[in-house]
Amino acid sequence: MNRMPSDKVLSAKKQVVATLTEKLKNAKSVVFADYRGLTVAQDTEFRSALRKSGIEYTVVKNSLLSFAAKESGLESLEPFLNGPTSMAISYDDLVAPAKVLVEYSKKYEKLELKIGIVEGNVIDLSQVFTLAELPSKEVLIAQMLGSMNAPITGLVTVLSGTIRSLAIALNAIVEQKAQA
């Protein structure tokens, strides 16, 4: 006997797909993983690290994620949607999900990374690992401000040296005139 899902179940699934589609479209970056085999303690530590980094982490049904990927124009995710799938999403930091998931996949061999998305583009595992090596947004901002500050500091040093030299020269002229 072939039973069709009820309207209530279909409506709930459509809502989940709509929510997933929205998340995929609004995310700066997403990394997908197979979390099978993690112990409760490992999973708790892993989820805690994700929360501290401001990353949303959810386990998703592959069939629903597949529909959301198609609606988001991310059909190339399809081959990776098998087995248990979790996704780590950041809406404001490109590197945070990759950093945390790569770190924990090295720490826990059972955490297997699948694929990623950066600003609406699917990236492969090598790109996820490369992304994880990039400095965080805060570090990049600090480096940028430091590089912007260096020329100003140099200019102030040169100008103060020039002004000091001018003051010494003027003082020498005043003393020379006073002696004459």
N, C-alpha and C. Protein backbone atom coordinates (compact mmCIF):
# COMPACT_ATOMS: atom_id res chain seq x y z
N MET A 1 0.84 -1.17 0.00
CA MET A 1 0.00 0.00 0.00
C MET A 1 0.89 1.24 0.00
N ASN A 2 0.75 2.10 -0.98
CA ASN A 2 1.54 3.31 -1.13
C ASN A 2 0.79 4.48 -0.50
N ARG A 3 1.37 5.01 0.57
CA ARG A 3 0.69 6.11 1.27
C ARG A 3 1.36 7.42 0.94
N MET A 4 0.57 8.40 0.63
CA MET A 4 1.09 9.74 0.35
C MET A 4 1.19 10.50 1.68
N PRO A 5 2.21 11.35 1.82
CA PRO A 5 2.30 12.14 3.05
C PRO A 5 1.12 13.09 3.15
N SER A 6 0.75 13.39 4.37
CA SER A 6 -0.38 14.29 4.59
C SER A 6 -0.02 15.71 4.19
N ASP A 7 -1.06 16.53 4.00
CA ASP A 7 -0.84 17.94 3.65
C ASP A 7 -0.03 18.65 4.74
N LYS A 8 -0.27 18.27 5.98
CA LYS A 8 0.44 18.88 7.11
C LYS A 8 1.94 18.59 7.03
N VAL A 9 2.28 17.33 6.73
CA VAL A 9 3.69 16.93 6.61
C VAL A 9 4.33 17.62 5.41
N LEU A 10 3.63 17.66 4.28
CA LEU A 10 4.16 18.33 3.09
C LEU A 10 4.39 19.81 3.35
N SER A 11 3.46 20.43 4.04
CA SER A 11 3.58 21.85 4.35
C SER A 11 4.80 22.11 5.25
N ALA A 12 4.99 21.24 6.24
CA ALA A 12 6.14 21.37 7.14
C ALA A 12 7.45 21.20 6.37
N LYS A 13 7.48 20.24 5.45
CA LYS A 13 8.70 20.02 4.66
C LYS A 13 8.97 21.19 3.73
N LYS A 14 7.93 21.75 3.14
CA LYS A 14 8.10 22.92 2.27
C LYS A 14 8.66 24.09 3.06
N GLN A 15 8.21 24.23 4.30
CA GLN A 15 8.71 25.31 5.16
C GLN A 15 10.19 25.11 5.48
N VAL A 16 10.58 23.87 5.75
CA VAL A 16 12.00 23.55 6.02
C VAL A 16 12.84 23.86 4.79
N VAL A 17 12.37 23.47 3.61
CA VAL A 17 13.09 23.74 2.37
C VAL A 17 13.22 25.25 2.15
N ALA A 18 12.15 26.00 2.41
CA ALA A 18 12.19 27.46 2.25
C ALA A 18 13.21 28.08 3.21
N THR A 19 13.24 27.58 4.44
CA THR A 19 14.20 28.09 5.43
C THR A 19 15.63 27.77 5.01
N LEU A 20 15.87 26.52 4.58
CA LEU A 20 17.21 26.13 4.12
C LEU A 20 17.64 26.95 2.91
N THR A 21 16.71 27.18 1.98
CA THR A 21 17.01 27.98 0.79
C THR A 21 17.44 29.39 1.21
N GLU A 22 16.71 29.97 2.13
CA GLU A 22 17.02 31.32 2.63
C GLU A 22 18.41 31.34 3.28
N LYS A 23 18.71 30.32 4.07
CA LYS A 23 20.02 30.25 4.74
C LYS A 23 21.15 30.15 3.71
N LEU A 24 20.96 29.30 2.72
CA LEU A 24 22.00 29.13 1.68
C LEU A 24 22.21 30.43 0.91
N LYS A 25 21.15 31.15 0.64
CA LYS A 25 21.26 32.40 -0.12
C LYS A 25 21.90 33.52 0.69
N ASN A 26 21.66 33.55 2.01
CA ASN A 26 22.15 34.65 2.85
C ASN A 26 23.51 34.38 3.48
N ALA A 27 23.99 33.15 3.42
CA ALA A 27 25.24 32.80 4.08
C ALA A 27 26.45 33.36 3.36
N LYS A 28 27.41 33.84 4.13
CA LYS A 28 28.71 34.22 3.57
C LYS A 28 29.47 32.95 3.22
N SER A 29 29.40 31.97 4.14
CA SER A 29 30.05 30.69 3.86
C SER A 29 29.35 29.57 4.61
N VAL A 30 29.45 28.37 4.02
CA VAL A 30 28.86 27.16 4.58
C VAL A 30 29.84 26.02 4.34
N VAL A 31 30.00 25.16 5.34
CA VAL A 31 30.80 23.96 5.16
C VAL A 31 29.93 22.78 5.60
N PHE A 32 29.89 21.75 4.74
CA PHE A 32 29.10 20.55 5.00
C PHE A 32 30.01 19.45 5.48
N ALA A 33 29.51 18.62 6.41
CA ALA A 33 30.32 17.54 6.97
C ALA A 33 29.47 16.33 7.30
N ASP A 34 30.14 15.19 7.39
CA ASP A 34 29.55 13.95 7.88
C ASP A 34 30.07 13.79 9.31
N TYR A 35 29.19 13.85 10.28
CA TYR A 35 29.58 13.84 11.69
C TYR A 35 29.49 12.44 12.31
N ARG A 36 29.21 11.42 11.50
CA ARG A 36 29.02 10.05 11.98
C ARG A 36 30.24 9.57 12.77
N GLY A 37 30.01 9.03 13.93
CA GLY A 37 31.10 8.44 14.70
C GLY A 37 31.65 9.33 15.80
N LEU A 38 31.22 10.58 15.88
CA LEU A 38 31.68 11.43 16.97
C LEU A 38 31.02 10.98 18.27
N THR A 39 31.77 10.99 19.34
CA THR A 39 31.19 10.68 20.64
C THR A 39 30.39 11.88 21.12
N VAL A 40 29.58 11.69 22.13
CA VAL A 40 28.78 12.79 22.68
C VAL A 40 29.70 13.90 23.18
N ALA A 41 30.78 13.53 23.87
CA ALA A 41 31.72 14.53 24.39
C ALA A 41 32.38 15.31 23.25
N GLN A 42 32.79 14.60 22.19
CA GLN A 42 33.41 15.27 21.05
C GLN A 42 32.42 16.22 20.38
N ASP A 43 31.19 15.75 20.18
CA ASP A 43 30.16 16.57 19.55
C ASP A 43 29.86 17.81 20.38
N THR A 44 29.80 17.65 21.70
CA THR A 44 29.53 18.78 22.60
C THR A 44 30.65 19.81 22.49
N GLU A 45 31.90 19.35 22.52
CA GLU A 45 33.05 20.27 22.41
C GLU A 45 33.04 20.98 21.05
N PHE A 46 32.77 20.21 20.00
CA PHE A 46 32.73 20.74 18.64
C PHE A 46 31.65 21.81 18.50
N ARG A 47 30.44 21.52 18.97
CA ARG A 47 29.33 22.49 18.89
C ARG A 47 29.61 23.73 19.72
N SER A 48 30.27 23.57 20.84
CA SER A 48 30.64 24.71 21.69
C SER A 48 31.61 25.64 20.95
N ALA A 49 32.59 25.05 20.27
CA ALA A 49 33.55 25.85 19.49
C ALA A 49 32.84 26.60 18.36
N LEU A 50 31.88 25.95 17.73
CA LEU A 50 31.11 26.59 16.65
C LEU A 50 30.33 27.78 17.20
N ARG A 51 29.66 27.59 18.35
CA ARG A 51 28.88 28.68 18.95
C ARG A 51 29.77 29.87 19.29
N LYS A 52 30.95 29.58 19.87
CA LYS A 52 31.88 30.65 20.26
C LYS A 52 32.33 31.46 19.04
N SER A 53 32.37 30.82 17.89
CA SER A 53 32.79 31.50 16.66
C SER A 53 31.61 32.13 15.92
N GLY A 54 30.41 32.06 16.51
CA GLY A 54 29.23 32.66 15.89
C GLY A 54 28.72 31.89 14.68
N ILE A 55 28.94 30.59 14.68
CA ILE A 55 28.56 29.76 13.54
C ILE A 55 27.29 28.98 13.88
N GLU A 56 26.34 29.02 12.98
CA GLU A 56 25.11 28.23 13.13
C GLU A 56 25.38 26.83 12.61
N TYR A 57 25.05 25.84 13.41
CA TYR A 57 25.34 24.45 13.05
C TYR A 57 24.06 23.64 13.14
N THR A 58 23.70 22.95 12.06
CA THR A 58 22.51 22.12 12.07
C THR A 58 22.74 20.83 11.29
N VAL A 59 22.01 19.81 11.70
CA VAL A 59 21.98 18.56 10.97
C VAL A 59 20.78 18.66 10.03
N VAL A 60 20.97 18.28 8.77
CA VAL A 60 19.90 18.45 7.78
C VAL A 60 19.61 17.13 7.06
N LYS A 61 18.37 17.01 6.62
CA LYS A 61 17.99 15.86 5.80
C LYS A 61 18.46 16.12 4.38
N ASN A 62 19.15 15.17 3.79
CA ASN A 62 19.70 15.33 2.45
C ASN A 62 18.62 15.64 1.41
N SER A 63 17.47 14.99 1.51
CA SER A 63 16.42 15.22 0.51
C SER A 63 15.93 16.66 0.56
N LEU A 64 15.77 17.21 1.75
CA LEU A 64 15.30 18.60 1.88
C LEU A 64 16.40 19.57 1.46
N LEU A 65 17.64 19.26 1.84
CA LEU A 65 18.77 20.10 1.44
C LEU A 65 18.93 20.09 -0.08
N SER A 66 18.67 18.96 -0.69
CA SER A 66 18.76 18.84 -2.14
C SER A 66 17.77 19.80 -2.83
N PHE A 67 16.54 19.84 -2.34
CA PHE A 67 15.55 20.77 -2.90
C PHE A 67 15.99 22.22 -2.69
N ALA A 68 16.50 22.53 -1.49
CA ALA A 68 16.95 23.89 -1.19
C ALA A 68 18.14 24.27 -2.07
N ALA A 69 19.04 23.33 -2.31
CA ALA A 69 20.21 23.59 -3.17
C ALA A 69 19.76 23.92 -4.59
N LYS A 70 18.78 23.16 -5.09
CA LYS A 70 18.27 23.42 -6.44
C LYS A 70 17.62 24.79 -6.52
N GLU A 71 16.85 25.16 -5.49
CA GLU A 71 16.19 26.47 -5.48
C GLU A 71 17.20 27.61 -5.33
N SER A 72 18.36 27.30 -4.78
CA SER A 72 19.40 28.32 -4.59
C SER A 72 20.39 28.35 -5.75
N GLY A 73 20.21 27.49 -6.74
CA GLY A 73 21.14 27.44 -7.87
C GLY A 73 22.44 26.73 -7.53
N LEU A 74 22.40 25.84 -6.55
CA LEU A 74 23.60 25.13 -6.10
C LEU A 74 23.48 23.63 -6.36
N GLU A 75 23.06 23.28 -7.57
CA GLU A 75 22.84 21.88 -7.92
C GLU A 75 24.09 21.03 -7.77
N SER A 76 25.27 21.64 -7.86
CA SER A 76 26.51 20.87 -7.78
C SER A 76 26.75 20.30 -6.38
N LEU A 77 25.91 20.65 -5.41
CA LEU A 77 26.01 20.04 -4.08
C LEU A 77 25.48 18.60 -4.08
N GLU A 78 24.57 18.32 -5.00
CA GLU A 78 23.84 17.05 -5.06
C GLU A 78 24.70 15.81 -4.83
N PRO A 79 25.84 15.64 -5.53
CA PRO A 79 26.63 14.40 -5.33
C PRO A 79 27.17 14.22 -3.91
N PHE A 80 27.22 15.29 -3.13
CA PHE A 80 27.79 15.23 -1.78
C PHE A 80 26.74 15.02 -0.70
N LEU A 81 25.49 14.97 -1.10
CA LEU A 81 24.41 14.85 -0.13
C LEU A 81 24.03 13.39 0.07
N ASN A 82 24.91 12.67 0.74
CA ASN A 82 24.65 11.29 1.10
C ASN A 82 25.22 11.04 2.49
N GLY A 83 24.63 10.10 3.18
CA GLY A 83 25.03 9.87 4.57
C GLY A 83 24.58 11.03 5.43
N PRO A 84 24.87 10.98 6.72
CA PRO A 84 24.48 12.08 7.60
C PRO A 84 25.17 13.38 7.17
N THR A 85 24.41 14.44 7.10
CA THR A 85 24.96 15.73 6.66
C THR A 85 24.65 16.80 7.69
N SER A 86 25.69 17.53 8.06
CA SER A 86 25.51 18.70 8.91
C SER A 86 26.08 19.89 8.15
N MET A 87 25.59 21.08 8.51
CA MET A 87 26.13 22.27 7.86
C MET A 87 26.43 23.33 8.89
N ALA A 88 27.59 23.95 8.71
CA ALA A 88 28.04 25.05 9.56
C ALA A 88 27.95 26.32 8.72
N ILE A 89 27.17 27.29 9.21
CA ILE A 89 26.88 28.50 8.43
C ILE A 89 27.35 29.74 9.17
N SER A 90 27.97 30.65 8.42
CA SER A 90 28.27 31.98 8.95
C SER A 90 27.67 33.01 8.01
N TYR A 91 27.00 33.98 8.59
CA TYR A 91 26.36 35.03 7.81
C TYR A 91 27.23 36.27 7.70
N ASP A 92 28.37 36.30 8.43
CA ASP A 92 29.21 37.50 8.38
C ASP A 92 30.71 37.24 8.26
N ASP A 93 31.15 36.02 8.43
CA ASP A 93 32.58 35.72 8.37
C ASP A 93 32.83 34.61 7.34
N LEU A 94 33.63 34.92 6.34
CA LEU A 94 33.90 33.93 5.28
C LEU A 94 34.70 32.73 5.76
N VAL A 95 35.63 32.95 6.67
CA VAL A 95 36.57 31.88 7.01
C VAL A 95 36.20 31.08 8.26
N ALA A 96 35.35 31.60 9.12
CA ALA A 96 35.07 30.96 10.40
C ALA A 96 34.60 29.50 10.29
N PRO A 97 33.59 29.18 9.46
CA PRO A 97 33.18 27.77 9.40
C PRO A 97 34.30 26.85 8.93
N ALA A 98 35.05 27.28 7.92
CA ALA A 98 36.15 26.47 7.42
C ALA A 98 37.21 26.27 8.50
N LYS A 99 37.57 27.34 9.20
CA LYS A 99 38.59 27.25 10.24
C LYS A 99 38.20 26.22 11.31
N VAL A 100 36.98 26.35 11.84
CA VAL A 100 36.56 25.47 12.93
C VAL A 100 36.42 24.03 12.45
N LEU A 101 35.77 23.83 11.31
CA LEU A 101 35.56 22.46 10.83
C LEU A 101 36.87 21.79 10.43
N VAL A 102 37.78 22.51 9.81
CA VAL A 102 39.07 21.92 9.45
C VAL A 102 39.84 21.56 10.73
N GLU A 103 39.84 22.47 11.70
CA GLU A 103 40.53 22.19 12.97
C GLU A 103 39.99 20.92 13.63
N TYR A 104 38.66 20.80 13.70
CA TYR A 104 38.08 19.64 14.36
C TYR A 104 38.13 18.38 13.50
N SER A 105 38.19 18.52 12.18
CA SER A 105 38.33 17.31 11.35
C SER A 105 39.73 16.73 11.50
N LYS A 106 40.71 17.58 11.82
CA LYS A 106 42.06 17.08 12.09
C LYS A 106 42.13 16.46 13.49
N LYS A 107 41.38 17.05 14.42
CA LYS A 107 41.36 16.56 15.80
C LYS A 107 40.57 15.25 15.91
N TYR A 108 39.45 15.19 15.20
CA TYR A 108 38.58 14.00 15.23
C TYR A 108 38.46 13.45 13.82
N GLU A 109 39.12 12.34 13.56
CA GLU A 109 39.12 11.76 12.22
C GLU A 109 37.73 11.38 11.74
N LYS A 110 36.81 11.14 12.66
CA LYS A 110 35.44 10.74 12.29
C LYS A 110 34.66 11.88 11.65
N LEU A 111 35.05 13.11 11.92
CA LEU A 111 34.39 14.27 11.32
C LEU A 111 34.94 14.44 9.91
N GLU A 112 34.13 14.12 8.94
CA GLU A 112 34.59 14.11 7.54
C GLU A 112 33.95 15.27 6.78
N LEU A 113 34.77 16.19 6.31
CA LEU A 113 34.27 17.33 5.55
C LEU A 113 33.85 16.87 4.16
N LYS A 114 32.81 17.52 3.62
CA LYS A 114 32.29 17.13 2.31
C LYS A 114 32.57 18.18 1.25
N ILE A 115 32.09 19.40 1.47
CA ILE A 115 32.16 20.46 0.46
C ILE A 115 31.81 21.77 1.15
N GLY A 116 32.00 22.89 0.45
CA GLY A 116 31.66 24.18 1.04
C GLY A 116 31.03 25.13 0.03
N ILE A 117 30.54 26.23 0.57
CA ILE A 117 29.98 27.30 -0.26
C ILE A 117 30.56 28.61 0.27
N VAL A 118 31.03 29.47 -0.63
CA VAL A 118 31.49 30.80 -0.26
C VAL A 118 30.78 31.80 -1.15
N GLU A 119 30.02 32.68 -0.51
CA GLU A 119 29.26 33.72 -1.20
C GLU A 119 28.53 33.19 -2.44
N GLY A 120 27.81 32.08 -2.25
CA GLY A 120 26.98 31.53 -3.32
C GLY A 120 27.70 30.66 -4.33
N ASN A 121 28.99 30.40 -4.13
CA ASN A 121 29.76 29.55 -5.05
C ASN A 121 30.22 28.29 -4.33
N VAL A 122 29.98 27.13 -4.94
CA VAL A 122 30.41 25.87 -4.36
C VAL A 122 31.92 25.75 -4.50
N ILE A 123 32.57 25.35 -3.39
CA ILE A 123 34.03 25.16 -3.40
C ILE A 123 34.33 23.73 -2.96
N ASP A 124 35.41 23.16 -3.50
CA ASP A 124 35.77 21.78 -3.16
C ASP A 124 36.56 21.74 -1.85
N LEU A 125 36.91 20.54 -1.42
CA LEU A 125 37.60 20.38 -0.14
C LEU A 125 38.95 21.09 -0.08
N SER A 126 39.71 21.06 -1.16
CA SER A 126 41.01 21.74 -1.14
C SER A 126 40.82 23.23 -0.92
N GLN A 127 39.77 23.79 -1.49
CA GLN A 127 39.49 25.22 -1.29
C GLN A 127 39.00 25.49 0.12
N VAL A 128 38.27 24.54 0.71
CA VAL A 128 37.84 24.69 2.10
C VAL A 128 39.07 24.74 3.01
N PHE A 129 40.05 23.85 2.77
CA PHE A 129 41.27 23.84 3.57
C PHE A 129 42.09 25.12 3.35
N THR A 130 42.13 25.61 2.13
CA THR A 130 42.83 26.87 1.84
C THR A 130 42.15 28.03 2.56
N LEU A 131 40.83 28.04 2.52
CA LEU A 131 40.05 29.08 3.20
C LEU A 131 40.34 29.07 4.70
N ALA A 132 40.49 27.89 5.26
CA ALA A 132 40.74 27.76 6.70
C ALA A 132 42.09 28.35 7.10
N GLU A 133 43.02 28.44 6.16
CA GLU A 133 44.35 28.99 6.46
C GLU A 133 44.39 30.51 6.43
N LEU A 134 43.35 31.13 5.86
CA LEU A 134 43.31 32.59 5.79
C LEU A 134 43.12 33.18 7.18
N PRO A 135 43.66 34.37 7.40
CA PRO A 135 43.43 35.02 8.69
C PRO A 135 41.95 35.40 8.83
N SER A 136 41.51 35.53 10.07
CA SER A 136 40.12 35.91 10.32
C SER A 136 39.89 37.37 9.92
N LYS A 137 38.65 37.75 9.87
CA LYS A 137 38.25 39.11 9.49
C LYS A 137 38.92 40.14 10.41
N GLU A 138 38.94 39.87 11.72
CA GLU A 138 39.52 40.81 12.68
C GLU A 138 41.02 40.99 12.44
N VAL A 139 41.71 39.88 12.15
CA VAL A 139 43.16 39.95 11.90
C VAL A 139 43.42 40.74 10.61
N LEU A 140 42.62 40.49 9.57
CA LEU A 140 42.79 41.22 8.31
C LEU A 140 42.56 42.71 8.50
N ILE A 141 41.55 43.07 9.29
CA ILE A 141 41.28 44.50 9.56
C ILE A 141 42.45 45.12 10.31
N ALA A 142 42.97 44.40 11.31
CA ALA A 142 44.12 44.91 12.07
C ALA A 142 45.33 45.09 11.17
N GLN A 143 45.57 44.12 10.28
CA GLN A 143 46.70 44.23 9.35
C GLN A 143 46.50 45.43 8.42
N MET A 144 45.29 45.62 7.95
CA MET A 144 44.99 46.73 7.04
C MET A 144 45.20 48.06 7.75
N LEU A 145 44.70 48.17 8.97
CA LEU A 145 44.88 49.42 9.72
C LEU A 145 46.35 49.66 10.02
N GLY A 146 47.08 48.60 10.33
CA GLY A 146 48.51 48.72 10.58
C GLY A 146 49.26 49.22 9.36
N SER A 147 48.89 48.68 8.19
CA SER A 147 49.57 49.11 6.97
C SER A 147 49.18 50.54 6.59
N MET A 148 47.96 50.93 6.93
CA MET A 148 47.54 52.31 6.66
C MET A 148 48.22 53.28 7.63
N ASN A 149 48.49 52.82 8.84
CA ASN A 149 49.09 53.66 9.88
C ASN A 149 50.58 53.86 9.65
N ALA A 150 51.26 52.89 9.05
CA ALA A 150 52.72 52.95 8.87
C ALA A 150 53.17 54.19 8.08
N PRO A 151 52.56 54.49 6.91
CA PRO A 151 53.01 55.69 6.18
C PRO A 151 52.78 56.98 6.97
N ILE A 152 51.69 57.04 7.72
CA ILE A 152 51.41 58.25 8.51
C ILE A 152 52.45 58.40 9.60
N THR A 153 52.79 57.30 10.26
CA THR A 153 53.81 57.34 11.31
C THR A 153 55.15 57.77 10.71
N GLY A 154 55.48 57.23 9.55
CA GLY A 154 56.73 57.62 8.87
C GLY A 154 56.74 59.10 8.53
N LEU A 155 55.62 59.61 8.02
CA LEU A 155 55.51 61.03 7.66
C LEU A 155 55.68 61.91 8.89
N VAL A 156 55.04 61.54 10.00
CA VAL A 156 55.16 62.31 11.24
C VAL A 156 56.61 62.31 11.71
N THR A 157 57.29 61.18 11.63
CA THR A 157 58.68 61.09 12.05
C THR A 157 59.56 61.99 11.18
N VAL A 158 59.37 61.95 9.87
CA VAL A 158 60.15 62.78 8.95
C VAL A 158 59.88 64.26 9.21
N LEU A 159 58.60 64.59 9.34
CA LEU A 159 58.26 66.01 9.58
C LEU A 159 58.80 66.50 10.91
N SER A 160 58.71 65.68 11.96
CA SER A 160 59.22 66.12 13.26
C SER A 160 60.73 66.28 13.20
N GLY A 161 61.40 65.41 12.45
CA GLY A 161 62.85 65.54 12.27
C GLY A 161 63.19 66.81 11.51
N THR A 162 62.41 67.11 10.47
CA THR A 162 62.63 68.32 9.67
C THR A 162 62.38 69.57 10.52
N ILE A 163 61.31 69.56 11.27
CA ILE A 163 60.98 70.71 12.13
C ILE A 163 62.06 70.89 13.18
N ARG A 164 62.53 69.79 13.77
CA ARG A 164 63.59 69.84 14.77
C ARG A 164 64.85 70.44 14.15
N SER A 165 65.20 70.00 12.94
CA SER A 165 66.40 70.51 12.25
C SER A 165 66.24 71.99 11.95
N LEU A 166 65.03 72.39 11.53
CA LEU A 166 64.75 73.80 11.23
C LEU A 166 64.89 74.63 12.50
N ALA A 167 64.37 74.13 13.62
CA ALA A 167 64.46 74.86 14.89
C ALA A 167 65.92 75.02 15.31
N ILE A 168 66.71 73.97 15.14
CA ILE A 168 68.14 74.03 15.49
C ILE A 168 68.85 75.05 14.59
N ALA A 169 68.54 75.02 13.30
CA ALA A 169 69.17 75.95 12.36
C ALA A 169 68.78 77.39 12.69
N LEU A 170 67.51 77.64 12.97
CA LEU A 170 67.06 78.99 13.33
C LEU A 170 67.69 79.46 14.62
N ASN A 171 67.81 78.57 15.58
CA ASN A 171 68.44 78.90 16.86
C ASN A 171 69.90 79.26 16.63
N ALA A 172 70.59 78.52 15.75
CA ALA A 172 72.00 78.81 15.44
C ALA A 172 72.12 80.18 14.78
N ILE A 173 71.18 80.53 13.89
CA ILE A 173 71.20 81.84 13.23
C ILE A 173 70.99 82.95 14.25
N VAL A 174 70.03 82.74 15.16
CA VAL A 174 69.75 83.74 16.21
C VAL A 174 70.99 83.94 17.07
N GLU A 175 71.65 82.86 17.48
CA GLU A 175 72.85 82.98 18.31
C GLU A 175 73.97 83.67 17.54
N GLN A 176 74.10 83.38 16.24
CA GLN A 176 75.12 83.99 15.41
C GLN A 176 74.87 85.50 15.29
N LYS A 177 73.63 85.90 15.08
CA LYS A 177 73.26 87.32 14.98
C LYS A 177 73.49 88.03 16.31
N ALA A 178 73.19 87.32 17.41
CA ALA A 178 73.34 87.91 18.74
C ALA A 178 74.83 88.17 19.04
N GLN A 179 75.70 87.30 18.57
CA GLN A 179 77.13 87.46 18.80
C GLN A 179 77.70 88.55 17.91
N ALA A 180 77.09 88.80 16.77
CA ALA A 180 77.62 89.78 15.83
C ALA A 180 77.22 91.17 16.17
